[in-house]
Amino acid sequence: MNDTVISHYKTRLEEYQPIVGSNIIDELKLLGSHLAGRKVQNINSTFSGGGVAEILARIVPLLQQLGIDATWDVIQGDDAFFNVTKKFHNALHGRDESITTDDLDIFMETSRRNNESTALDADIFYIHDPQPIMLIERKKSLGGKWIWRCHVDVSHPDKVVWKFLRKYVVGYDATVFSSPEFSQQLPSRQYMISPSIDPLSDKNREISQSVIQSVLDKYGLDNGKPMVVQISRFDYLKDPLGVIQAFRMVRKGIDCQLVLAGGTATDDPESTQVLEEVRENAGNDPDIKILPIPPGSDLEINALQRAATVVFQKSLKEGFGLTISEALWKSKPVVATAVGGIPQQVRNKVTGLLCHSVDGAAYALKQLLSNPDYAAWLGKNGHEHVKQNFLITRHVKEYLLLFLAVDNPSEIINL
């Protein structure tokens, strides 16, 4: 386990009490007591970049505080492997990808090496996404309970890729999806657990106006001009070029600026190419800022979201889109496409505005930029929606219930 990553996030469970109440904290402690000493090993493909790593970095320490022997490890892979898994990611979302026999051979050969080299020791193995999926081949020799957590939308996957992965998925004792709509017909139990944000993290906690202004100054942003902000990894499925197109339509009638900020991930080699295309498309437009922000820049992201007039998320496909909950927690009005888990967060015309096209996105942006009272009302509703549904304490509770359900179902009855 990367102890450096984990030790950086040592928020005490009691610190959430002023936000969620003492009853929630007491409930987590009660559930945790039924799992005390149980070993839960999380495995994914990267310690940094992307929502999965961000969630694990926050949740694993909280599970440890509840008496669970929770750990987090990653598999290894080279560029060839991660190029293939990126294709898998896109194909599972339904994007056309050319998956060759060589691609499958690369995936299986790297997975075999990881099966040989990855130290596995737990009562419950929690495997995240397709990259480490073949670790299930060690279930027979190791025993324990195995859960596959799918963080992407596989409601309409490429049939070839899903058929290939499914033969490994069916070996798991349970699967977890972010939304009921994402699930597939499987012989094992399926659970729905939505992702969450940590309100006490550097990315979401309250910060001073002076900190916000220092970040704006750093990037040459005009605090006096309306600002449309999209925070996302540079990925074709986040449609950054569509964001620029919609912004340019809006700017014809409203003087405003656009910020596209995000980073890359070690398991996503395509992101560098996307970033270059975005820069080329933006050209020398002074009102478009492309900000490649490295991992660990959570305070800067926090400041950019709090400085935003409107937060944008124009994804073509989306597993969930935690940047939306981050923005809503800050009471920011959001415009987002109605894909993946986004409609769970954005209730159209209640907690934000949903769109289905570049034209629709531009229209929604114009509505919010020209009607600040309506925008503020949506933001206020959004904050409450996130408080009730998408905070980390709810996420931890559902993890605990999941572990109890797969480890010893009779425990659920006796709670």
Protein backbone atom coordinates (compact mmCIF):
# COMPACT_ATOMS: atom_id res chain seq x y z
CA MET A 1 0.00 0.00 0.00
CA ASN A 2 1.16 3.52 -0.71
CA ASP A 3 1.42 4.76 2.89
CA THR A 4 2.41 8.24 1.68
CA VAL A 5 -0.91 8.64 -0.10
CA ILE A 6 -2.92 7.24 2.81
CA SER A 7 -1.12 9.12 5.59
CA HIS A 8 -1.81 12.43 3.84
CA TYR A 9 -5.53 11.98 4.51
CA LYS A 10 -6.03 11.53 8.22
CA THR A 11 -9.26 13.40 8.81
CA ARG A 12 -10.84 12.15 12.02
CA LEU A 13 -14.30 10.68 11.69
CA GLU A 14 -15.61 13.01 14.41
CA GLU A 15 -14.72 16.04 12.29
CA TYR A 16 -17.69 15.25 10.03
CA GLN A 17 -20.14 15.48 12.91
CA PRO A 18 -20.92 19.21 12.52
CA ILE A 19 -21.87 18.54 8.89
CA VAL A 20 -23.81 15.26 9.07
CA GLY A 21 -24.77 14.99 12.75
CA SER A 22 -23.78 12.67 15.60
CA ASN A 23 -26.30 9.97 14.68
CA ILE A 24 -24.52 9.30 11.38
CA ILE A 25 -21.14 8.98 13.10
CA ASP A 26 -22.58 6.64 15.73
CA GLU A 27 -24.15 4.52 13.01
CA LEU A 28 -20.82 4.15 11.19
CA LYS A 29 -19.12 3.06 14.41
CA LEU A 30 -21.82 0.46 15.04
CA LEU A 31 -21.49 -0.97 11.54
CA GLY A 32 -17.72 -0.92 11.76
CA SER A 33 -17.81 -2.90 15.00
CA HIS A 34 -19.30 -5.85 13.12
CA LEU A 35 -16.30 -5.85 10.77
CA ALA A 36 -13.56 -5.15 13.31
CA GLY A 37 -10.32 -6.81 12.32
CA ARG A 38 -11.52 -7.94 8.91
CA LYS A 39 -8.98 -7.37 6.13
CA VAL A 40 -10.23 -5.51 3.05
CA GLN A 41 -7.78 -5.03 0.18
CA ASN A 42 -8.60 -2.45 -2.51
CA ILE A 43 -6.81 -2.79 -5.82
CA ASN A 44 -6.88 -0.46 -8.83
CA SER A 45 -4.37 0.78 -11.40
CA THR A 46 -3.09 4.12 -10.10
CA PHE A 47 -2.50 6.02 -6.86
CA SER A 48 -3.17 9.40 -8.51
CA GLY A 49 -5.35 10.96 -11.19
CA GLY A 50 -9.06 10.28 -11.63
CA GLY A 51 -11.98 9.81 -9.29
CA VAL A 52 -11.24 6.24 -8.19
CA ALA A 53 -7.85 7.12 -6.70
CA GLU A 54 -9.31 10.23 -5.13
CA ILE A 55 -12.12 8.27 -3.45
CA LEU A 56 -9.82 5.51 -2.17
CA ALA A 57 -7.38 8.02 -0.71
CA ARG A 58 -10.18 9.40 1.47
CA ILE A 59 -12.19 6.27 2.29
CA VAL A 60 -9.42 3.83 3.22
CA PRO A 61 -8.22 5.92 6.23
CA LEU A 62 -11.82 6.24 7.47
CA LEU A 63 -12.33 2.47 7.24
CA GLN A 64 -9.13 2.03 9.24
CA GLN A 65 -10.48 4.35 11.95
CA LEU A 66 -13.55 2.10 12.18
CA GLY A 67 -11.38 -0.87 13.08
CA ILE A 68 -11.15 -2.45 9.63
CA ASP A 69 -7.77 -3.58 8.31
CA ALA A 70 -8.23 -1.72 5.01
CA THR A 71 -5.41 -1.44 2.49
CA TRP A 72 -4.93 -0.10 -1.03
CA ASP A 73 -2.58 -1.47 -3.69
CA VAL A 74 -2.13 -0.96 -7.41
CA ILE A 75 -1.21 -3.25 -10.28
CA GLN A 76 1.64 -2.48 -12.66
CA GLY A 77 1.51 -1.88 -16.41
CA ASP A 78 3.40 -0.24 -19.24
CA ASP A 79 2.13 2.19 -21.87
CA ALA A 80 1.03 -0.64 -24.15
CA PHE A 81 -1.14 -2.10 -21.39
CA PHE A 82 -2.69 1.23 -20.45
CA ASN A 83 -3.35 2.06 -24.10
CA VAL A 84 -5.38 -1.15 -24.27
CA THR A 85 -7.25 -0.47 -21.03
CA LYS A 86 -8.06 3.03 -22.27
CA LYS A 87 -9.61 1.41 -25.34
CA PHE A 88 -11.54 -0.88 -23.00
CA HIS A 89 -12.73 2.15 -21.02
CA ASN A 90 -14.00 3.91 -24.13
CA ALA A 91 -15.56 0.74 -25.54
CA LEU A 92 -17.41 0.00 -22.30
CA HIS A 93 -18.89 3.47 -22.54
CA GLY A 94 -20.11 2.54 -26.03
CA ARG A 95 -17.52 4.36 -28.11
CA ASP A 96 -16.32 2.61 -31.28
CA GLU A 97 -12.87 1.16 -30.70
CA SER A 98 -10.83 -1.26 -32.75
CA ILE A 99 -9.90 -4.02 -30.29
CA THR A 100 -7.43 -6.42 -31.88
CA THR A 101 -6.19 -9.85 -30.91
CA ASP A 102 -2.87 -8.22 -30.07
CA ASP A 103 -4.67 -5.87 -27.69
CA LEU A 104 -6.24 -8.79 -25.84
CA ASP A 105 -2.90 -10.59 -25.73
CA ILE A 106 -1.23 -7.51 -24.20
CA PHE A 107 -3.96 -7.25 -21.58
CA MET A 108 -3.79 -10.92 -20.64
CA GLU A 109 0.00 -11.10 -20.56
CA THR A 110 0.29 -8.03 -18.30
CA SER A 111 -2.52 -9.38 -16.12
CA ARG A 112 -0.72 -12.70 -15.77
CA ARG A 113 2.42 -10.88 -14.60
CA ASN A 114 0.33 -8.95 -12.08
CA ASN A 115 -1.22 -12.20 -10.89
CA GLU A 116 2.28 -13.45 -10.16
CA SER A 117 3.65 -10.28 -8.57
CA THR A 118 0.75 -8.67 -6.71
CA ALA A 119 0.69 -9.53 -3.00
CA LEU A 120 -2.85 -10.50 -2.06
CA ASP A 121 -3.87 -11.08 1.54
CA ALA A 122 -7.38 -10.25 2.72
CA ASP A 123 -10.77 -11.51 3.78
CA ILE A 124 -12.41 -9.30 1.16
CA PHE A 125 -10.80 -8.31 -2.12
CA TYR A 126 -12.28 -5.13 -3.63
CA ILE A 127 -11.13 -4.90 -7.27
CA HIS A 128 -11.75 -1.63 -9.11
CA ASP A 129 -12.48 -1.44 -12.86
CA PRO A 130 -11.18 -3.61 -15.74
CA GLN A 131 -7.41 -3.12 -15.32
CA PRO A 132 -6.97 -5.59 -12.41
CA ILE A 133 -10.01 -7.75 -13.20
CA MET A 134 -8.00 -10.92 -13.95
CA LEU A 135 -6.81 -11.12 -10.35
CA ILE A 136 -9.99 -13.15 -9.87
CA GLU A 137 -8.04 -16.10 -11.24
CA ARG A 138 -6.41 -16.35 -7.80
CA LYS A 139 -9.72 -16.70 -5.96
CA LYS A 140 -9.57 -20.49 -5.90
CA SER A 141 -6.18 -20.59 -4.23
CA LEU A 142 -6.69 -17.63 -1.88
CA GLY A 143 -10.32 -17.97 -0.88
CA GLY A 144 -12.05 -14.94 0.61
CA LYS A 145 -14.83 -12.86 -0.88
CA TRP A 146 -14.29 -10.99 -4.13
CA ILE A 147 -16.08 -7.83 -5.28
CA TRP A 148 -15.69 -6.13 -8.65
CA ARG A 149 -16.37 -2.40 -8.56
CA CYS A 150 -17.22 -0.95 -11.99
CA HIS A 151 -16.87 2.83 -12.04
CA VAL A 152 -17.88 3.25 -15.70
CA ASP A 153 -21.22 3.17 -17.49
CA VAL A 154 -21.54 -0.28 -19.06
CA SER A 155 -25.22 0.02 -19.98
CA HIS A 156 -24.41 -0.15 -23.71
CA PRO A 157 -20.90 -1.59 -23.96
CA ASP A 158 -19.05 -2.76 -27.00
CA LYS A 159 -20.13 -6.41 -27.25
CA VAL A 160 -16.65 -7.78 -27.96
CA VAL A 161 -15.04 -6.08 -24.96
CA TRP A 162 -17.89 -6.89 -22.59
CA LYS A 163 -17.93 -10.56 -23.66
CA PHE A 164 -14.20 -10.74 -22.99
CA LEU A 165 -14.46 -9.11 -19.55
CA ARG A 166 -17.67 -10.83 -18.51
CA LYS A 167 -15.99 -14.23 -18.23
CA TYR A 168 -13.94 -12.73 -15.39
CA VAL A 169 -16.77 -10.67 -13.89
CA VAL A 170 -18.92 -13.77 -13.32
CA GLY A 171 -16.22 -15.19 -11.05
CA TYR A 172 -16.77 -12.44 -8.48
CA ASP A 173 -19.10 -12.87 -5.52
CA ALA A 174 -20.64 -9.45 -6.14
CA THR A 175 -20.46 -6.48 -8.49
CA VAL A 176 -20.97 -2.81 -7.68
CA PHE A 177 -22.19 -0.12 -10.07
CA SER A 178 -22.69 3.63 -9.63
CA SER A 179 -26.24 3.59 -10.99
CA PRO A 180 -28.96 0.96 -11.60
CA GLU A 181 -28.90 1.90 -15.28
CA PHE A 182 -25.27 0.79 -15.58
CA SER A 183 -25.82 -2.83 -14.63
CA GLN A 184 -25.71 -5.94 -16.79
CA GLN A 185 -27.35 -9.35 -16.51
CA LEU A 186 -25.03 -11.29 -14.18
CA PRO A 187 -25.35 -14.40 -12.01
CA SER A 188 -23.93 -12.72 -8.90
CA ARG A 189 -25.48 -10.12 -6.63
CA GLN A 190 -25.30 -6.51 -7.80
CA TYR A 191 -25.18 -3.43 -5.60
CA MET A 192 -25.53 0.28 -6.33
CA ILE A 193 -23.11 2.63 -4.59
CA SER A 194 -22.81 6.17 -5.87
CA PRO A 195 -19.44 7.91 -5.54
CA SER A 196 -19.02 10.76 -3.08
CA ILE A 197 -17.05 13.85 -2.20
CA ASP A 198 -15.25 14.65 1.02
CA PRO A 199 -16.47 18.03 2.34
CA LEU A 200 -13.35 18.37 4.50
CA SER A 201 -10.80 17.72 1.76
CA ASP A 202 -8.69 20.53 0.34
CA LYS A 203 -10.78 20.35 -2.81
CA ASN A 204 -14.06 21.00 -1.00
CA ARG A 205 -13.46 22.74 2.33
CA GLU A 206 -14.14 26.42 2.85
CA ILE A 207 -11.29 28.67 1.75
CA SER A 208 -10.74 32.40 2.05
CA GLN A 209 -11.32 34.94 -0.68
CA SER A 210 -7.63 35.80 -0.54
CA VAL A 211 -6.71 32.21 -1.47
CA ILE A 212 -9.20 32.28 -4.33
CA GLN A 213 -7.80 35.58 -5.60
CA SER A 214 -4.23 34.30 -5.42
CA VAL A 215 -5.14 31.39 -7.70
CA LEU A 216 -6.92 33.70 -10.14
CA ASP A 217 -3.88 35.98 -10.21
CA LYS A 218 -1.58 33.02 -10.78
CA TYR A 219 -3.45 32.02 -13.94
CA GLY A 220 -4.25 35.51 -15.20
CA LEU A 221 -7.99 35.23 -14.71
CA ASP A 222 -10.23 38.30 -14.48
CA ASN A 223 -12.34 38.17 -11.32
CA GLY A 224 -14.58 40.89 -12.73
CA LYS A 225 -15.67 38.91 -15.79
CA PRO A 226 -18.20 36.02 -15.67
CA MET A 227 -16.31 32.74 -15.66
CA VAL A 228 -17.42 29.39 -17.08
CA VAL A 229 -15.31 26.57 -15.63
CA GLN A 230 -14.98 22.89 -16.52
CA ILE A 231 -12.75 20.80 -14.28
CA SER A 232 -11.99 17.46 -15.93
CA ARG A 233 -9.19 15.20 -16.95
CA PHE A 234 -8.30 15.90 -20.59
CA ASP A 235 -10.30 13.12 -22.19
CA TYR A 236 -12.28 12.92 -25.45
CA LEU A 237 -15.31 11.70 -23.47
CA LYS A 238 -15.28 14.96 -21.47
CA ASP A 239 -15.73 16.75 -24.82
CA PRO A 240 -13.42 19.72 -24.21
CA LEU A 241 -13.72 20.76 -27.87
CA GLY A 242 -17.50 20.85 -27.49
CA VAL A 243 -17.04 23.00 -24.40
CA ILE A 244 -15.06 25.54 -26.42
CA GLN A 245 -17.65 25.49 -29.20
CA ALA A 246 -20.53 26.15 -26.78
CA PHE A 247 -18.55 28.90 -25.03
CA ARG A 248 -17.89 30.71 -28.29
CA MET A 249 -21.60 30.66 -29.07
CA VAL A 250 -22.37 32.19 -25.67
CA ARG A 251 -19.65 34.82 -25.90
CA LYS A 252 -21.23 36.32 -29.01
CA GLY A 253 -23.84 37.88 -26.72
CA ILE A 254 -22.28 37.78 -23.25
CA ASP A 255 -18.78 38.92 -22.35
CA CYS A 256 -17.31 36.02 -20.39
CA GLN A 257 -14.25 33.79 -20.03
CA LEU A 258 -13.72 30.03 -20.13
CA VAL A 259 -11.43 27.91 -17.96
CA LEU A 260 -10.68 24.31 -18.90
CA ALA A 261 -8.64 22.87 -16.05
CA GLY A 262 -7.59 19.33 -15.34
CA GLY A 263 -4.82 16.85 -15.26
CA THR A 264 -3.69 13.52 -16.56
CA ALA A 265 -3.44 10.04 -15.04
CA THR A 266 -0.74 7.40 -15.26
CA ASP A 267 -3.29 4.90 -16.57
CA ASP A 268 -4.55 7.26 -19.32
CA PRO A 269 -1.83 7.86 -21.94
CA GLU A 270 -4.38 9.41 -24.31
CA SER A 271 -4.81 12.51 -22.13
CA THR A 272 -1.63 14.22 -23.38
CA GLN A 273 -2.87 14.01 -26.96
CA VAL A 274 -6.25 15.44 -25.98
CA LEU A 275 -4.58 18.34 -24.18
CA GLU A 276 -2.60 19.26 -27.31
CA GLU A 277 -5.73 19.21 -29.46
CA VAL A 278 -7.54 21.44 -26.97
CA ARG A 279 -4.68 23.94 -26.96
CA GLU A 280 -4.65 24.02 -30.75
CA ASN A 281 -8.41 24.58 -30.88
CA ALA A 282 -8.28 27.38 -28.31
CA GLY A 283 -5.49 29.09 -30.21
CA ASN A 284 -4.53 32.48 -28.85
CA ASP A 285 -8.02 33.35 -27.63
CA PRO A 286 -7.41 35.52 -24.53
CA ASP A 287 -10.76 34.49 -23.03
CA ILE A 288 -9.96 30.76 -23.05
CA LYS A 289 -7.55 29.46 -20.42
CA ILE A 290 -6.29 25.87 -20.71
CA LEU A 291 -4.81 24.87 -17.37
CA PRO A 292 -3.06 21.49 -17.02
CA ILE A 293 -3.09 21.13 -13.25
CA PRO A 294 -0.94 18.38 -11.72
CA PRO A 295 -2.17 15.93 -9.06
CA GLY A 296 -2.16 17.40 -5.59
CA SER A 297 -3.50 20.79 -6.71
CA ASP A 298 -6.76 20.39 -4.84
CA LEU A 299 -6.77 23.88 -3.34
CA GLU A 300 -6.39 25.38 -6.80
CA ILE A 301 -9.31 23.35 -8.11
CA ASN A 302 -11.34 24.40 -5.09
CA ALA A 303 -10.54 28.05 -5.79
CA LEU A 304 -11.41 27.79 -9.50
CA GLN A 305 -14.77 26.19 -8.72
CA ARG A 306 -15.58 28.81 -6.08
CA ALA A 307 -14.62 31.60 -8.49
CA ALA A 308 -16.80 30.17 -11.26
CA THR A 309 -20.00 31.89 -12.28
CA VAL A 310 -21.19 28.63 -13.84
CA VAL A 311 -19.60 25.18 -13.68
CA PHE A 312 -19.82 23.17 -16.89
CA GLN A 313 -19.58 19.41 -17.44
CA LYS A 314 -20.16 18.57 -21.07
CA SER A 315 -19.33 14.87 -20.97
CA LEU A 316 -20.26 12.63 -23.87
CA LYS A 317 -20.14 9.61 -21.57
CA GLU A 318 -19.67 9.60 -17.82
CA GLY A 319 -19.30 7.08 -15.06
CA PHE A 320 -20.52 9.58 -12.48
CA GLY A 321 -18.74 12.93 -12.68
CA LEU A 322 -17.75 13.92 -9.15
CA THR A 323 -16.79 17.43 -10.26
CA ILE A 324 -20.52 18.14 -10.39
CA SER A 325 -21.07 17.25 -6.74
CA GLU A 326 -17.97 19.30 -5.89
CA ALA A 327 -19.48 22.33 -7.62
CA LEU A 328 -22.95 21.84 -6.15
CA TRP A 329 -21.46 21.51 -2.66
CA LYS A 330 -20.04 25.00 -3.22
CA SER A 331 -23.56 26.18 -4.22
CA LYS A 332 -22.50 26.76 -7.80
CA PRO A 333 -25.01 26.53 -10.68
CA VAL A 334 -24.17 23.68 -13.03
CA VAL A 335 -24.81 22.97 -16.70
CA ALA A 336 -24.16 19.35 -17.65
CA THR A 337 -25.06 16.76 -20.23
CA ALA A 338 -27.64 14.15 -19.28
CA VAL A 339 -25.35 11.12 -19.44
CA GLY A 340 -24.11 8.46 -17.01
CA GLY A 341 -24.50 9.38 -13.36
CA ILE A 342 -24.92 13.09 -14.01
CA PRO A 343 -28.76 13.09 -13.77
CA GLN A 344 -28.45 11.62 -10.27
CA GLN A 345 -26.72 14.85 -9.26
CA VAL A 346 -28.34 17.40 -11.54
CA ARG A 347 -32.11 17.37 -11.25
CA ASN A 348 -33.04 19.42 -14.29
CA LYS A 349 -34.26 22.91 -13.39
CA VAL A 350 -34.00 22.05 -9.67
CA THR A 351 -30.31 21.55 -8.86
CA GLY A 352 -28.92 22.57 -12.25
CA LEU A 353 -29.62 22.45 -15.98
CA LEU A 354 -29.21 19.38 -18.18
CA CYS A 355 -28.45 19.55 -21.89
CA HIS A 356 -28.10 17.13 -24.80
CA SER A 357 -26.11 19.03 -27.42
CA VAL A 358 -23.71 21.91 -27.99
CA ASP A 359 -26.63 24.19 -28.85
CA GLY A 360 -28.51 23.11 -25.72
CA ALA A 361 -25.43 23.67 -23.60
CA ALA A 362 -24.97 27.17 -24.99
CA TYR A 363 -28.63 27.98 -24.33
CA ALA A 364 -28.40 26.77 -20.72
CA LEU A 365 -25.21 28.74 -20.11
CA LYS A 366 -26.89 31.89 -21.42
CA GLN A 367 -29.83 31.32 -19.07
CA LEU A 368 -27.62 31.17 -15.99
CA LEU A 369 -25.21 33.92 -16.97
CA SER A 370 -28.08 36.31 -17.64
CA ASN A 371 -30.17 35.36 -14.59
CA PRO A 372 -27.99 35.33 -11.46
CA ASP A 373 -30.95 34.97 -9.06
CA TYR A 374 -32.08 31.77 -10.80
CA ALA A 375 -28.49 30.55 -10.86
CA ALA A 376 -28.13 31.15 -7.12
CA TRP A 377 -31.39 29.30 -6.41
CA LEU A 378 -30.19 26.27 -8.35
CA GLY A 379 -26.87 26.37 -6.51
CA LYS A 380 -28.56 26.48 -3.12
CA ASN A 381 -30.72 23.47 -4.01
CA GLY A 382 -27.67 21.65 -5.33
CA HIS A 383 -25.78 22.10 -2.07
CA GLU A 384 -28.58 20.51 -0.08
CA HIS A 385 -28.92 17.67 -2.61
CA VAL A 386 -25.24 16.80 -2.23
CA LYS A 387 -25.43 17.05 1.55
CA GLN A 388 -28.21 14.49 1.62
CA ASN A 389 -26.87 12.10 -1.01
CA PHE A 390 -23.23 12.40 -2.04
CA LEU A 391 -21.01 12.97 1.00
CA ILE A 392 -18.30 10.51 2.01
CA THR A 393 -20.06 9.44 5.22
CA ARG A 394 -22.91 7.95 3.17
CA HIS A 395 -20.34 6.26 0.95
CA VAL A 396 -18.53 4.71 3.92
CA LYS A 397 -21.83 3.43 5.32
CA GLU A 398 -22.68 1.71 2.04
CA TYR A 399 -19.19 0.19 1.86
CA LEU A 400 -19.67 -1.23 5.35
CA LEU A 401 -23.06 -2.67 4.46
CA LEU A 402 -21.60 -4.15 1.27
CA PHE A 403 -18.75 -5.83 3.15
CA LEU A 404 -21.19 -7.23 5.70
CA ALA A 405 -23.48 -8.50 2.96
CA VAL A 406 -20.76 -10.43 1.14
CA ASP A 407 -18.72 -11.50 4.19
CA ASN A 408 -21.49 -12.73 6.46
CA PRO A 409 -25.06 -12.07 5.31
CA SER A 410 -26.49 -13.11 8.67
CA GLU A 411 -24.82 -10.07 10.25
CA ILE A 412 -27.18 -7.81 8.32
CA ILE A 413 -30.17 -9.49 9.91
CA ASN A 414 -28.76 -9.08 13.41
CA LEU A 415 -27.88 -5.37 13.17
